[in-house]
PDB file of all heavy atoms in Angstrom:
ATOM      1  N   PHE A   1     -42.168 135.324  91.723  1.00  0.00           N
ATOM      2  CA  PHE A   1     -41.008 134.637  92.298  1.00  0.00           C
ATOM      3  C   PHE A   1     -39.935 134.403  91.236  1.00  0.00           C
ATOM      4  O   PHE A   1     -38.733 134.539  91.511  1.00  0.00           O
ATOM      5  CB  PHE A   1     -41.450 133.316  92.914  1.00  0.00           C
ATOM      6  CG  PHE A   1     -40.391 132.635  93.723  1.00  0.00           C
ATOM      7  CD1 PHE A   1     -39.670 133.331  94.671  1.00  0.00           C
ATOM      8  CD2 PHE A   1     -40.111 131.293  93.525  1.00  0.00           C
ATOM      9  CE1 PHE A   1     -38.684 132.705  95.427  1.00  0.00           C
ATOM     10  CE2 PHE A   1     -39.131 130.652  94.256  1.00  0.00           C
ATOM     11  CZ  PHE A   1     -38.413 131.362  95.226  1.00  0.00           C
ATOM     12  N   ALA A   2     -40.368 134.067  90.015  1.00  0.00           N
ATOM     13  CA  ALA A   2     -39.416 133.873  88.918  1.00  0.00           C
ATOM     14  C   ALA A   2     -38.668 135.167  88.602  1.00  0.00           C
ATOM     15  O   ALA A   2     -37.453 135.161  88.361  1.00  0.00           O
ATOM     16  CB  ALA A   2     -40.148 133.363  87.683  1.00  0.00           C
ATOM     17  N   GLU A   3     -39.379 136.274  88.609  1.00  0.00           N
ATOM     18  CA  GLU A   3     -38.738 137.567  88.363  1.00  0.00           C
ATOM     19  C   GLU A   3     -37.765 137.927  89.479  1.00  0.00           C
ATOM     20  O   GLU A   3     -36.691 138.501  89.235  1.00  0.00           O
ATOM     21  CB  GLU A   3     -39.800 138.665  88.229  1.00  0.00           C
ATOM     22  CG  GLU A   3     -40.668 138.537  86.980  1.00  0.00           C
ATOM     23  CD  GLU A   3     -41.737 139.612  86.923  1.00  0.00           C
ATOM     24  OE1 GLU A   3     -41.888 140.360  87.918  1.00  0.00           O
ATOM     25  OE2 GLU A   3     -42.429 139.704  85.889  1.00  0.00           O
ATOM     26  N   LEU A   4     -38.135 137.564  90.703  1.00  0.00           N
ATOM     27  CA  LEU A   4     -37.300 137.902  91.855  1.00  0.00           C
ATOM     28  C   LEU A   4     -35.969 137.171  91.835  1.00  0.00           C
ATOM     29  O   LEU A   4     -34.906 137.783  91.995  1.00  0.00           O
ATOM     30  CB  LEU A   4     -38.057 137.578  93.143  1.00  0.00           C
ATOM     31  CG  LEU A   4     -37.344 137.903  94.459  1.00  0.00           C
ATOM     32  CD1 LEU A   4     -37.152 139.414  94.589  1.00  0.00           C
ATOM     33  CD2 LEU A   4     -38.129 137.358  95.650  1.00  0.00           C
ATOM     34  N   ILE A   5     -35.994 135.862  91.611  1.00  0.00           N
ATOM     35  CA  ILE A   5     -34.751 135.089  91.693  1.00  0.00           C
ATOM     36  C   ILE A   5     -33.882 135.240  90.448  1.00  0.00           C
ATOM     37  O   ILE A   5     -32.690 134.973  90.490  1.00  0.00           O
ATOM     38  CB  ILE A   5     -35.045 133.593  91.950  1.00  0.00           C
ATOM     39  CG1 ILE A   5     -35.831 132.983  90.786  1.00  0.00           C
ATOM     40  CG2 ILE A   5     -35.782 133.407  93.260  1.00  0.00           C
ATOM     41  CD1 ILE A   5     -36.098 131.496  90.959  1.00  0.00           C
ATOM     42  N   SER A   6     -34.476 135.688  89.341  1.00  0.00           N
ATOM     43  CA  SER A   6     -33.683 135.890  88.123  1.00  0.00           C
ATOM     44  C   SER A   6     -33.289 137.348  87.919  1.00  0.00           C
ATOM     45  O   SER A   6     -32.501 137.645  87.011  1.00  0.00           O
ATOM     46  CB  SER A   6     -34.474 135.425  86.892  1.00  0.00           C
ATOM     47  OG  SER A   6     -35.622 136.233  86.689  1.00  0.00           O
ATOM     48  N   GLY A   7     -33.837 138.231  88.754  1.00  0.00           N
ATOM     49  CA  GLY A   7     -33.567 139.645  88.557  1.00  0.00           C
ATOM     50  C   GLY A   7     -34.108 140.167  87.232  1.00  0.00           C
ATOM     51  O   GLY A   7     -33.583 141.141  86.686  1.00  0.00           O
ATOM     52  N   ARG A   8     -35.141 139.493  86.730  1.00  0.00           N
ATOM     53  CA  ARG A   8     -35.748 139.830  85.447  1.00  0.00           C
ATOM     54  C   ARG A   8     -34.741 139.763  84.295  1.00  0.00           C
ATOM     55  O   ARG A   8     -34.882 140.449  83.284  1.00  0.00           O
ATOM     56  CB  ARG A   8     -36.401 141.211  85.494  1.00  0.00           C
ATOM     57  CG  ARG A   8     -37.548 141.314  86.478  1.00  0.00           C
ATOM     58  CD  ARG A   8     -38.276 142.625  86.355  1.00  0.00           C
ATOM     59  NE  ARG A   8     -39.432 142.661  87.259  1.00  0.00           N
ATOM     60  CZ  ARG A   8     -40.290 143.669  87.334  1.00  0.00           C
ATOM     61  NH1 ARG A   8     -40.121 144.730  86.556  1.00  0.00           N
ATOM     62  NH2 ARG A   8     -41.298 143.622  88.175  1.00  0.00           N
ATOM     63  N   ARG A   9     -33.750 138.900  84.445  1.00  0.00           N
ATOM     64  CA  ARG A   9     -32.756 138.719  83.392  1.00  0.00           C
ATOM     65  C   ARG A   9     -32.914 137.336  82.763  1.00  0.00           C
ATOM     66  O   ARG A   9     -33.313 136.376  83.429  1.00  0.00           O
ATOM     67  CB  ARG A   9     -31.337 138.878  83.943  1.00  0.00           C
ATOM     68  CG  ARG A   9     -30.996 140.279  84.411  1.00  0.00           C
ATOM     69  CD  ARG A   9     -29.504 140.395  84.702  1.00  0.00           C
ATOM     70  NE  ARG A   9     -29.117 139.481  85.769  1.00  0.00           N
ATOM     71  CZ  ARG A   9     -29.108 139.804  87.066  1.00  0.00           C
ATOM     72  NH1 ARG A   9     -29.505 141.013  87.457  1.00  0.00           N
ATOM     73  NH2 ARG A   9     -28.739 138.926  87.966  1.00  0.00           N
ATOM     74  N   THR A  10     -32.576 137.236  81.503  1.00  0.00           N
ATOM     75  CA  THR A  10     -32.598 135.951  80.814  1.00  0.00           C
ATOM     76  C   THR A  10     -31.330 135.191  81.140  1.00  0.00           C
ATOM     77  O   THR A  10     -30.220 135.725  81.035  1.00  0.00           O
ATOM     78  CB  THR A  10     -32.708 136.158  79.294  1.00  0.00           C
ATOM     79  OG1 THR A  10     -33.932 136.835  79.001  1.00  0.00           O
ATOM     80  CG2 THR A  10     -32.690 134.812  78.566  1.00  0.00           C
ATOM     81  N   GLN A  11     -31.486 133.929  81.531  1.00  0.00           N
ATOM     82  CA  GLN A  11     -30.343 133.088  81.911  1.00  0.00           C
ATOM     83  C   GLN A  11     -30.082 132.065  80.804  1.00  0.00           C
ATOM     84  O   GLN A  11     -30.959 131.283  80.460  1.00  0.00           O
ATOM     85  CB  GLN A  11     -30.634 132.389  83.248  1.00  0.00           C
ATOM     86  CG  GLN A  11     -30.890 133.382  84.379  1.00  0.00           C
ATOM     87  CD  GLN A  11     -31.395 132.731  85.646  1.00  0.00           C
ATOM     88  OE1 GLN A  11     -31.306 133.293  86.718  1.00  0.00           O
ATOM     89  NE2 GLN A  11     -31.955 131.534  85.541  1.00  0.00           N
ATOM     90  N   ILE A  12     -28.889 132.091  80.260  1.00  0.00           N
ATOM     91  CA  ILE A  12     -28.533 131.219  79.138  1.00  0.00           C
ATOM     92  C   ILE A  12     -28.149 129.831  79.643  1.00  0.00           C
ATOM     93  O   ILE A  12     -27.408 129.695  80.619  1.00  0.00           O
ATOM     94  CB  ILE A  12     -27.375 131.824  78.320  1.00  0.00           C
ATOM     95  CG1 ILE A  12     -27.736 133.247  77.869  1.00  0.00           C
ATOM     96  CG2 ILE A  12     -27.067 130.944  77.115  1.00  0.00           C
ATOM     97  CD1 ILE A  12     -28.981 133.338  77.021  1.00  0.00           C
ATOM     98  N   VAL A  13     -28.640 128.817  78.969  1.00  0.00           N
ATOM     99  CA  VAL A  13     -28.292 127.425  79.285  1.00  0.00           C
ATOM    100  C   VAL A  13     -26.993 127.073  78.569  1.00  0.00           C
ATOM    101  O   VAL A  13     -26.898 127.208  77.340  1.00  0.00           O
ATOM    102  CB  VAL A  13     -29.411 126.460  78.853  1.00  0.00           C
ATOM    103  CG1 VAL A  13     -29.003 125.019  79.124  1.00  0.00           C
ATOM    104  CG2 VAL A  13     -30.706 126.793  79.576  1.00  0.00           C
ATOM    105  N   THR A  14     -26.018 126.619  79.325  1.00  0.00           N
ATOM    106  CA  THR A  14     -24.703 126.306  78.753  1.00  0.00           C
ATOM    107  C   THR A  14     -24.324 124.840  78.895  1.00  0.00           C
ATOM    108  O   THR A  14     -23.298 124.417  78.360  1.00  0.00           O
ATOM    109  CB  THR A  14     -23.623 127.168  79.422  1.00  0.00           C
ATOM    110  OG1 THR A  14     -23.634 126.935  80.841  1.00  0.00           O
ATOM    111  CG2 THR A  14     -23.869 128.648  79.157  1.00  0.00           C
ATOM    112  N   ASN A  15     -25.119 124.062  79.605  1.00  0.00           N
ATOM    113  CA  ASN A  15     -24.784 122.657  79.826  1.00  0.00           C
ATOM    114  C   ASN A  15     -24.937 121.876  78.522  1.00  0.00           C
ATOM    115  O   ASN A  15     -26.046 121.729  77.985  1.00  0.00           O
ATOM    116  CB  ASN A  15     -25.696 122.075  80.911  1.00  0.00           C
ATOM    117  CG  ASN A  15     -25.281 120.686  81.342  1.00  0.00           C
ATOM    118  OD1 ASN A  15     -25.492 119.717  80.625  1.00  0.00           O
ATOM    119  ND2 ASN A  15     -24.676 120.590  82.516  1.00  0.00           N
ATOM    120  N   THR A  16     -23.833 121.374  78.002  1.00  0.00           N
ATOM    121  CA  THR A  16     -23.850 120.734  76.682  1.00  0.00           C
ATOM    122  C   THR A  16     -24.628 119.420  76.684  1.00  0.00           C
ATOM    123  O   THR A  16     -25.308 119.094  75.711  1.00  0.00           O
ATOM    124  CB  THR A  16     -22.420 120.483  76.199  1.00  0.00           C
ATOM    125  OG1 THR A  16     -21.707 119.728  77.210  1.00  0.00           O
ATOM    126  CG2 THR A  16     -21.685 121.802  75.960  1.00  0.00           C
ATOM    127  N   GLY A  17     -24.535 118.655  77.758  1.00  0.00           N
ATOM    128  CA  GLY A  17     -25.254 117.383  77.819  1.00  0.00           C
ATOM    129  C   GLY A  17     -26.755 117.580  77.743  1.00  0.00           C
ATOM    130  O   GLY A  17     -27.460 116.863  77.019  1.00  0.00           O
ATOM    131  N   PHE A  18     -27.256 118.573  78.466  1.00  0.00           N
ATOM    132  CA  PHE A  18     -28.684 118.874  78.449  1.00  0.00           C
ATOM    133  C   PHE A  18     -29.120 119.343  77.066  1.00  0.00           C
ATOM    134  O   PHE A  18     -30.151 118.899  76.540  1.00  0.00           O
ATOM    135  CB  PHE A  18     -28.994 119.948  79.496  1.00  0.00           C
ATOM    136  CG  PHE A  18     -30.425 120.415  79.494  1.00  0.00           C
ATOM    137  CD1 PHE A  18     -31.409 119.684  80.138  1.00  0.00           C
ATOM    138  CD2 PHE A  18     -30.792 121.584  78.834  1.00  0.00           C
ATOM    139  CE1 PHE A  18     -32.735 120.104  80.137  1.00  0.00           C
ATOM    140  CE2 PHE A  18     -32.108 122.012  78.825  1.00  0.00           C
ATOM    141  CZ  PHE A  18     -33.083 121.276  79.482  1.00  0.00           C
ATOM    142  N   LEU A  19     -28.334 120.226  76.459  1.00  0.00           N
ATOM    143  CA  LEU A  19     -28.690 120.760  75.142  1.00  0.00           C
ATOM    144  C   LEU A  19     -28.637 119.678  74.066  1.00  0.00           C
ATOM    145  O   LEU A  19     -29.468 119.652  73.158  1.00  0.00           O
ATOM    146  CB  LEU A  19     -27.754 121.915  74.771  1.00  0.00           C
ATOM    147  CG  LEU A  19     -27.896 123.181  75.620  1.00  0.00           C
ATOM    148  CD1 LEU A  19     -26.864 124.225  75.209  1.00  0.00           C
ATOM    149  CD2 LEU A  19     -29.307 123.763  75.510  1.00  0.00           C
ATOM    150  N   GLU A  20     -27.663 118.790  74.156  1.00  0.00           N
ATOM    151  CA  GLU A  20     -27.577 117.704  73.176  1.00  0.00           C
ATOM    152  C   GLU A  20     -28.787 116.796  73.260  1.00  0.00           C
ATOM    153  O   GLU A  20     -29.295 116.325  72.238  1.00  0.00           O
ATOM    154  CB  GLU A  20     -26.290 116.905  73.402  1.00  0.00           C
ATOM    155  CG  GLU A  20     -25.023 117.635  72.973  1.00  0.00           C
ATOM    156  CD  GLU A  20     -23.771 116.839  73.300  1.00  0.00           C
ATOM    157  OE1 GLU A  20     -23.911 115.737  73.904  1.00  0.00           O
ATOM    158  OE2 GLU A  20     -22.670 117.310  72.972  1.00  0.00           O
ATOM    159  N   PHE A  21     -29.264 116.548  74.468  1.00  0.00           N
ATOM    160  CA  PHE A  21     -30.437 115.683  74.629  1.00  0.00           C
ATOM    161  C   PHE A  21     -31.693 116.359  74.090  1.00  0.00           C
ATOM    162  O   PHE A  21     -32.457 115.760  73.317  1.00  0.00           O
ATOM    163  CB  PHE A  21     -30.630 115.330  76.105  1.00  0.00           C
ATOM    164  CG  PHE A  21     -31.951 114.679  76.400  1.00  0.00           C
ATOM    165  CD1 PHE A  21     -32.198 113.366  76.016  1.00  0.00           C
ATOM    166  CD2 PHE A  21     -32.963 115.386  77.058  1.00  0.00           C
ATOM    167  CE1 PHE A  21     -33.419 112.768  76.266  1.00  0.00           C
ATOM    168  CE2 PHE A  21     -34.184 114.797  77.320  1.00  0.00           C
ATOM    169  CZ  PHE A  21     -34.416 113.482  76.925  1.00  0.00           C
ATOM    170  N   THR A  22     -31.949 117.589  74.495  1.00  0.00           N
ATOM    171  CA  THR A  22     -33.199 118.263  74.131  1.00  0.00           C
ATOM    172  C   THR A  22     -33.223 118.710  72.670  1.00  0.00           C
ATOM    173  O   THR A  22     -34.295 119.020  72.145  1.00  0.00           O
ATOM    174  CB  THR A  22     -33.432 119.483  75.034  1.00  0.00           C
ATOM    175  OG1 THR A  22     -32.261 120.327  75.007  1.00  0.00           O
ATOM    176  CG2 THR A  22     -33.706 119.058  76.465  1.00  0.00           C
ATOM    177  N   ARG A  23     -32.074 118.744  72.018  1.00  0.00           N
ATOM    178  CA  ARG A  23     -32.026 119.164  70.618  1.00  0.00           C
ATOM    179  C   ARG A  23     -31.738 117.998  69.669  1.00  0.00           C
ATOM    180  O   ARG A  23     -31.504 118.204  68.477  1.00  0.00           O
ATOM    181  CB  ARG A  23     -30.971 120.250  70.420  1.00  0.00           C
ATOM    182  CG  ARG A  23     -31.311 121.533  71.155  1.00  0.00           C
ATOM    183  CD  ARG A  23     -30.451 122.683  70.714  1.00  0.00           C
ATOM    184  NE  ARG A  23     -31.176 123.934  70.810  1.00  0.00           N
ATOM    185  CZ  ARG A  23     -30.818 125.061  70.226  1.00  0.00           C
ATOM    186  NH1 ARG A  23     -29.729 125.089  69.475  1.00  0.00           N
ATOM    187  NH2 ARG A  23     -31.524 126.160  70.364  1.00  0.00           N
ATOM    188  N   ALA A  24     -31.793 116.794  70.196  1.00  0.00           N
ATOM    189  CA  ALA A  24     -31.506 115.615  69.380  1.00  0.00           C
ATOM    190  C   ALA A  24     -32.687 115.272  68.485  1.00  0.00           C
ATOM    191  O   ALA A  24     -33.820 115.709  68.710  1.00  0.00           O
ATOM    192  CB  ALA A  24     -31.162 114.437  70.278  1.00  0.00           C
ATOM    193  N   ASN A  25     -32.404 114.490  67.450  1.00  0.00           N
ATOM    194  CA  ASN A  25     -33.423 113.940  66.555  1.00  0.00           C
ATOM    195  C   ASN A  25     -33.398 112.420  66.644  1.00  0.00           C
ATOM    196  O   ASN A  25     -32.317 111.820  66.738  1.00  0.00           O
ATOM    197  CB  ASN A  25     -33.201 114.371  65.111  1.00  0.00           C
ATOM    198  CG  ASN A  25     -33.485 115.844  64.898  1.00  0.00           C
ATOM    199  OD1 ASN A  25     -34.290 116.431  65.619  1.00  0.00           O
ATOM    200  ND2 ASN A  25     -32.835 116.457  63.934  1.00  0.00           N
ATOM    201  N   LEU A  26     -34.565 111.820  66.610  1.00  0.00           N
ATOM    202  CA  LEU A  26     -34.680 110.366  66.607  1.00  0.00           C
ATOM    203  C   LEU A  26     -35.490 109.953  65.395  1.00  0.00           C
ATOM    204  O   LEU A  26     -36.655 110.357  65.263  1.00  0.00           O
ATOM    205  CB  LEU A  26     -35.345 109.882  67.903  1.00  0.00           C
ATOM    206  CG  LEU A  26     -35.520 108.363  68.057  1.00  0.00           C
ATOM    207  CD1 LEU A  26     -34.170 107.674  68.062  1.00  0.00           C
ATOM    208  CD2 LEU A  26     -36.300 108.042  69.332  1.00  0.00           C
ATOM    209  N   LEU A  27     -34.853 109.228  64.483  1.00  0.00           N
ATOM    210  CA  LEU A  27     -35.485 108.829  63.226  1.00  0.00           C
ATOM    211  C   LEU A  27     -35.931 110.038  62.412  1.00  0.00           C
ATOM    212  O   LEU A  27     -36.962 110.020  61.727  1.00  0.00           O
ATOM    213  CB  LEU A  27     -36.685 107.905  63.495  1.00  0.00           C
ATOM    214  CG  LEU A  27     -36.376 106.602  64.264  1.00  0.00           C
ATOM    215  CD1 LEU A  27     -37.660 105.827  64.512  1.00  0.00           C
ATOM    216  CD2 LEU A  27     -35.367 105.755  63.503  1.00  0.00           C
ATOM    217  N   GLY A  28     -35.162 111.100  62.501  1.00  0.00           N
ATOM    218  CA  GLY A  28     -35.461 112.311  61.745  1.00  0.00           C
ATOM    219  C   GLY A  28     -36.514 113.204  62.363  1.00  0.00           C
ATOM    220  O   GLY A  28     -36.873 114.235  61.794  1.00  0.00           O
ATOM    221  N   VAL A  29     -37.008 112.825  63.545  1.00  0.00           N
ATOM    222  CA  VAL A  29     -38.052 113.598  64.231  1.00  0.00           C
ATOM    223  C   VAL A  29     -37.449 114.194  65.503  1.00  0.00           C
ATOM    224  O   VAL A  29     -36.776 113.488  66.263  1.00  0.00           O
ATOM    225  CB  VAL A  29     -39.262 112.714  64.579  1.00  0.00           C
ATOM    226  CG1 VAL A  29     -40.321 113.517  65.332  1.00  0.00           C
ATOM    227  CG2 VAL A  29     -39.845 112.100  63.319  1.00  0.00           C
ATOM    228  N   PRO A  30     -37.683 115.490  65.771  1.00  0.00           N
ATOM    229  CA  PRO A  30     -37.134 116.111  66.982  1.00  0.00           C
ATOM    230  C   PRO A  30     -37.567 115.387  68.247  1.00  0.00           C
ATOM    231  O   PRO A  30     -38.685 114.896  68.349  1.00  0.00           O
ATOM    232  CB  PRO A  30     -37.700 117.541  66.935  1.00  0.00           C
ATOM    233  CG  PRO A  30     -38.000 117.791  65.494  1.00  0.00           C
ATOM    234  CD  PRO A  30     -38.411 116.462  64.924  1.00  0.00           C
ATOM    235  N   ILE A  31     -36.666 115.343  69.219  1.00  0.00           N
ATOM    236  CA  ILE A  31     -36.949 114.642  70.466  1.00  0.00           C
ATOM    237  C   ILE A  31     -38.133 115.260  71.196  1.00  0.00           C
ATOM    238  O   ILE A  31     -38.868 114.577  71.918  1.00  0.00           O
ATOM    239  CB  ILE A  31     -35.694 114.649  71.379  1.00  0.00           C
ATOM    240  CG1 ILE A  31     -35.839 113.637  72.521  1.00  0.00           C
ATOM    241  CG2 ILE A  31     -35.408 116.040  71.912  1.00  0.00           C
ATOM    242  CD1 ILE A  31     -35.814 112.209  72.081  1.00  0.00           C
ATOM    243  N   LEU A  32     -38.355 116.573  70.990  1.00  0.00           N
ATOM    244  CA  LEU A  32     -39.493 117.235  71.636  1.00  0.00           C
ATOM    245  C   LEU A  32     -40.817 116.634  71.168  1.00  0.00           C
ATOM    246  O   LEU A  32     -41.755 116.497  71.960  1.00  0.00           O
ATOM    247  CB  LEU A  32     -39.470 118.735  71.336  1.00  0.00           C
ATOM    248  CG  LEU A  32     -38.247 119.530  71.800  1.00  0.00           C
ATOM    249  CD1 LEU A  32     -38.446 121.014  71.531  1.00  0.00           C
ATOM    250  CD2 LEU A  32     -37.950 119.275  73.267  1.00  0.00           C
ATOM    251  N   VAL A  33     -40.889 116.281  69.901  1.00  0.00           N
ATOM    252  CA  VAL A  33     -42.108 115.671  69.370  1.00  0.00           C
ATOM    253  C   VAL A  33     -42.309 114.280  69.971  1.00  0.00           C
ATOM    254  O   VAL A  33     -43.434 113.882  70.304  1.00  0.00           O
ATOM    255  CB  VAL A  33     -42.054 115.604  67.836  1.00  0.00           C
ATOM    256  CG1 VAL A  33     -43.300 114.921  67.274  1.00  0.00           C
ATOM    257  CG2 VAL A  33     -41.910 117.006  67.241  1.00  0.00           C
ATOM    258  N   TRP A  34     -41.206 113.543  70.119  1.00  0.00           N
ATOM    259  CA  TRP A  34     -41.296 112.221  70.739  1.00  0.00           C
ATOM    260  C   TRP A  34     -41.772 112.321  72.188  1.00  0.00           C
ATOM    261  O   TRP A  34     -42.574 111.493  72.653  1.00  0.00           O
ATOM    262  CB  TRP A  34     -39.938 111.522  70.682  1.00  0.00           C
ATOM    263  CG  TRP A  34     -39.581 111.006  69.326  1.00  0.00           C
ATOM    264  CD1 TRP A  34     -38.648 111.507  68.474  1.00  0.00           C
ATOM    265  CD2 TRP A  34     -40.153 109.868  68.665  1.00  0.00           C
ATOM    266  NE1 TRP A  34     -38.595 110.767  67.310  1.00  0.00           N
ATOM    267  CE2 TRP A  34     -39.503 109.755  67.403  1.00  0.00           C
ATOM    268  CE3 TRP A  34     -41.137 108.945  68.994  1.00  0.00           C
ATOM    269  CZ2 TRP A  34     -39.822 108.754  66.482  1.00  0.00           C
ATOM    270  CZ3 TRP A  34     -41.460 107.940  68.094  1.00  0.00           C
ATOM    271  CH2 TRP A  34     -40.795 107.855  66.851  1.00  0.00           C
ATOM    272  N   ILE A  35     -41.282 113.327  72.907  1.00  0.00           N
ATOM    273  CA  ILE A  35     -41.716 113.514  74.295  1.00  0.00           C
ATOM    274  C   ILE A  35     -43.214 113.774  74.346  1.00  0.00           C
ATOM    275  O   ILE A  35     -43.937 113.214  75.190  1.00  0.00           O
ATOM    276  CB  ILE A  35     -40.926 114.669  74.942  1.00  0.00           C
ATOM    277  CG1 ILE A  35     -39.445 114.291  75.083  1.00  0.00           C
ATOM    278  CG2 ILE A  35     -41.518 115.018  76.314  1.00  0.00           C
ATOM    279  CD1 ILE A  35     -38.568 115.431  75.579  1.00  0.00           C
ATOM    280  N   PHE A  36     -43.702 114.632  73.458  1.00  0.00           N
ATOM    281  CA  PHE A  36     -45.139 114.917  73.398  1.00  0.00           C
ATOM    282  C   PHE A  36     -45.923 113.646  73.125  1.00  0.00           C
ATOM    283  O   PHE A  36     -46.964 113.383  73.768  1.00  0.00           O
ATOM    284  CB  PHE A  36     -45.394 115.969  72.318  1.00  0.00           C
ATOM    285  CG  PHE A  36     -46.849 116.290  72.090  1.00  0.00           C
ATOM    286  CD1 PHE A  36     -47.768 116.239  73.126  1.00  0.00           C
ATOM    287  CD2 PHE A  36     -47.312 116.650  70.823  1.00  0.00           C
ATOM    288  CE1 PHE A  36     -49.116 116.545  72.916  1.00  0.00           C
ATOM    289  CE2 PHE A  36     -48.647 116.939  70.600  1.00  0.00           C
ATOM    290  CZ  PHE A  36     -49.550 116.881  71.656  1.00  0.00           C
ATOM    291  N   ALA A  37     -45.446 112.841  72.183  1.00  0.00           N
ATOM    292  CA  ALA A  37     -46.146 111.601  71.846  1.00  0.00           C
ATOM    293  C   ALA A  37     -46.185 110.652  73.040  1.00  0.00           C
ATOM    294  O   ALA A  37     -47.225 110.037  73.337  1.00  0.00           O
ATOM    295  CB  ALA A  37     -45.464 110.936  70.654  1.00  0.00           C
ATOM    296  N   ILE A  38     -45.069 110.533  73.753  1.00  0.00           N
ATOM    297  CA  ILE A  38     -45.006 109.630  74.915  1.00  0.00           C
ATOM    298  C   ILE A  38     -45.943 110.100  76.013  1.00  0.00           C
ATOM    299  O   ILE A  38     -46.682 109.302  76.619  1.00  0.00           O
ATOM    300  CB  ILE A  38     -43.556 109.542  75.432  1.00  0.00           C
ATOM    301  CG1 ILE A  38     -42.677 108.813  74.406  1.00  0.00           C
ATOM    302  CG2 ILE A  38     -43.503 108.831  76.778  1.00  0.00           C
ATOM    303  CD1 ILE A  38     -41.197 108.862  74.725  1.00  0.00           C
ATOM    304  N   VAL A  39     -45.951 111.411  76.274  1.00  0.00           N
ATOM    305  CA  VAL A  39     -46.835 111.955  77.316  1.00  0.00           C
ATOM    306  C   VAL A  39     -48.297 111.763  76.928  1.00  0.00           C
ATOM    307  O   VAL A  39     -49.141 111.418  77.775  1.00  0.00           O
ATOM    308  CB  VAL A  39     -46.530 113.452  77.549  1.00  0.00           C
ATOM    309  CG1 VAL A  39     -47.569 114.079  78.474  1.00  0.00           C
ATOM    310  CG2 VAL A  39     -45.138 113.621  78.140  1.00  0.00           C
ATOM    311  N   ALA A  40     -48.627 111.962  75.645  1.00  0.00           N
ATOM    312  CA  ALA A  40     -50.005 111.784  75.185  1.00  0.00           C
ATOM    313  C   ALA A  40     -50.454 110.329  75.338  1.00  0.00           C
ATOM    314  O   ALA A  40     -51.574 110.058  75.795  1.00  0.00           O
ATOM    315  CB  ALA A  40     -50.135 112.237  73.733  1.00  0.00           C
ATOM    316  N   ILE A  41     -49.593 109.392  74.960  1.00  0.00           N
ATOM    317  CA  ILE A  41     -49.933 107.970  75.088  1.00  0.00           C
ATOM    318  C   ILE A  41     -50.103 107.594  76.557  1.00  0.00           C
ATOM    319  O   ILE A  41     -51.056 106.891  76.937  1.00  0.00           O
ATOM    320  CB  ILE A  41     -48.852 107.100  74.420  1.00  0.00           C
ATOM    321  CG1 ILE A  41     -48.867 107.314  72.905  1.00  0.00           C
ATOM    322  CG2 ILE A  41     -49.058 105.627  74.756  1.00  0.00           C
ATOM    323  CD1 ILE A  41     -47.705 106.659  72.179  1.00  0.00           C
ATOM    324  N   ALA A  42     -49.178 108.065  77.402  1.00  0.00           N
ATOM    325  CA  ALA A  42     -49.281 107.783  78.838  1.00  0.00           C
ATOM    326  C   ALA A  42     -50.566 108.379  79.415  1.00  0.00           C
ATOM    327  O   ALA A  42     -51.241 107.749  80.240  1.00  0.00           O
ATOM    328  CB  ALA A  42     -48.060 108.344  79.571  1.00  0.00           C
ATOM    329  N   GLY A  43     -50.918 109.592  78.970  1.00  0.00           N
ATOM    330  CA  GLY A  43     -52.156 110.218  79.435  1.00  0.00           C
ATOM    331  C   GLY A  43     -53.382 109.445  79.008  1.00  0.00           C
ATOM    332  O   GLY A  43     -54.342 109.290  79.783  1.00  0.00           O
ATOM    333  N   TRP A  44     -53.369 108.925  77.767  1.00  0.00           N
ATOM    334  CA  TRP A  44     -54.502 108.133  77.281  1.00  0.00           C
ATOM    335  C   TRP A  44     -54.675 106.865  78.102  1.00  0.00           C
ATOM    336  O   TRP A  44     -55.798 106.512  78.500  1.00  0.00           O
ATOM    337  CB  TRP A  44     -54.300 107.781  75.812  1.00  0.00           C
ATOM    338  CG  TRP A  44     -55.471 107.056  75.207  1.00  0.00           C
ATOM    339  CD1 TRP A  44     -56.557 107.597  74.597  1.00  0.00           C
ATOM    340  CD2 TRP A  44     -55.669 105.625  75.182  1.00  0.00           C
ATOM    341  NE1 TRP A  44     -57.427 106.613  74.189  1.00  0.00           N
ATOM    342  CE2 TRP A  44     -56.908 105.391  74.534  1.00  0.00           C
ATOM    343  CE3 TRP A  44     -54.926 104.541  75.638  1.00  0.00           C
ATOM    344  CZ2 TRP A  44     -57.414 104.109  74.331  1.00  0.00           C
ATOM    345  CZ3 TRP A  44     -55.423 103.254  75.444  1.00  0.00           C
ATOM    346  CH2 TRP A  44     -56.652 103.051  74.795  1.00  0.00           C
ATOM    347  N   VAL A  45     -53.567 106.182  78.363  1.00  0.00           N
ATOM    348  CA  VAL A  45     -53.634 104.950  79.164  1.00  0.00           C
ATOM    349  C   VAL A  45     -54.128 105.263  80.571  1.00  0.00           C
ATOM    350  O   VAL A  45     -54.983 104.560  81.123  1.00  0.00           O
ATOM    351  CB  VAL A  45     -52.248 104.273  79.213  1.00  0.00           C
ATOM    352  CG1 VAL A  45     -52.251 103.098  80.194  1.00  0.00           C
ATOM    353  CG2 VAL A  45     -51.833 103.793  77.830  1.00  0.00           C
TER     354      VAL A  45
END
């Protein structure tokens, strides 16, 4: 289904707000690492 709706083409993300959020750093640590930590803690609880 993914191949069908994309025509097997790569689609570039251009939304600046989304990119700024996902590429941000918090206390010198990438936001992606913080997301992993939050999900892991929530999963443990």
